[in-house]
Amino acid sequence: MHLQDILYTQGFGTRRVCAGLVQQGHVSIGGEVVDDPFADLEPEGLHYIVQGTPWEYHEKAYLMLHKPAGTECSQKPSTYPSIYTLLPSPLRLRPNKGAVQGVQAIGRLDQDTTGLLLLTDDGQFIHKMGSPKHHVPKVYEVTAKHPVDEAQIAKLLAGVVLDDDPKPVRAAACESDGPLHLRLTLTEGKYHQVKRMLAAVGNRVEGLHRSRIGELALPAELAPGQWRWLTAERGGGPACAGQTRQGVEIEGKNARKTLRNGGKGHGPGQPVLRAGR
């Protein structure tokens, strides 16, 4: 693949802009400046530097982000800054066939909710992870206004009725982690679900943090506002990144994909999620 085309697929601008970056000496590979935009390279596993910032080629981008409070999961936020401003420009500009460019969050968290977000430009993966029918478990750490008792936990596990649906919604798991703290696992994604479920049992959410999606946990060392790459495995092959710490496998009818916690970033059947090897 031509170098200018590689840069284009990775979000560095139009092919003309990418050709200009190369011709002006802003791209280096293996410690050497490459000034030929038509240099033919193997993209898979390619490491390169653009304007002093190191990058690695990714056919599809898979990221985890530690969402801080006071941010919105929207490209067009209404009140608070967008989570997308926490990402470097190339990740926001990766070309897609659809109208929206760049990586997209899989699901949303409220502006005052913190924790794990997954982002990708893989539309099929977004559908699999975001669809309620796939029942991907998500774990939330809840700080309640009033002490949580056994009766409230029992109700959350048995199911509570929300005002927009007569069908009860249940927690897949629920345990107390202190008088005012609750660890809640959900496999659905209804609007304000955790807050509404706590209200339905006579309590109130004062703080909310998502700590896990499937078996992929938010690393303790990833500070609010920071992101990192996840590497993708297909067909059970080796991980793309060298230092992998934790992974999630999503098995479908035709292929297997594993997301693994890679190195730090700068700042169709039912899928099965489990810790990667």
Foldseek 3Di string as FASTA:
>chain_A
DFQLVQLQQLQPDDSVSSLVQLLVQQKDFPPHRHNGRRDDDDQQQGWMGGNRRIDHGDNKFKKKAWAAAQEWQDPDDDGGHHLCVLDDRSQQRRDDPDPGGHWHWLDTDDNGETEIIMIIRDVVVSCQQNPLVLQWKWKKKFFWPFFDDPVLQVDQQVFFAFPPDRDTAHFPDWDAPDRGIIITIHRGDDDVVVQRSQVRSPIGTPYMYTADTRFDGDDPPRDHSWMATWFKDKQLDDTSADDFDWWWWWDDDPIIIITTGHDTDVNPPRTDIDIDD
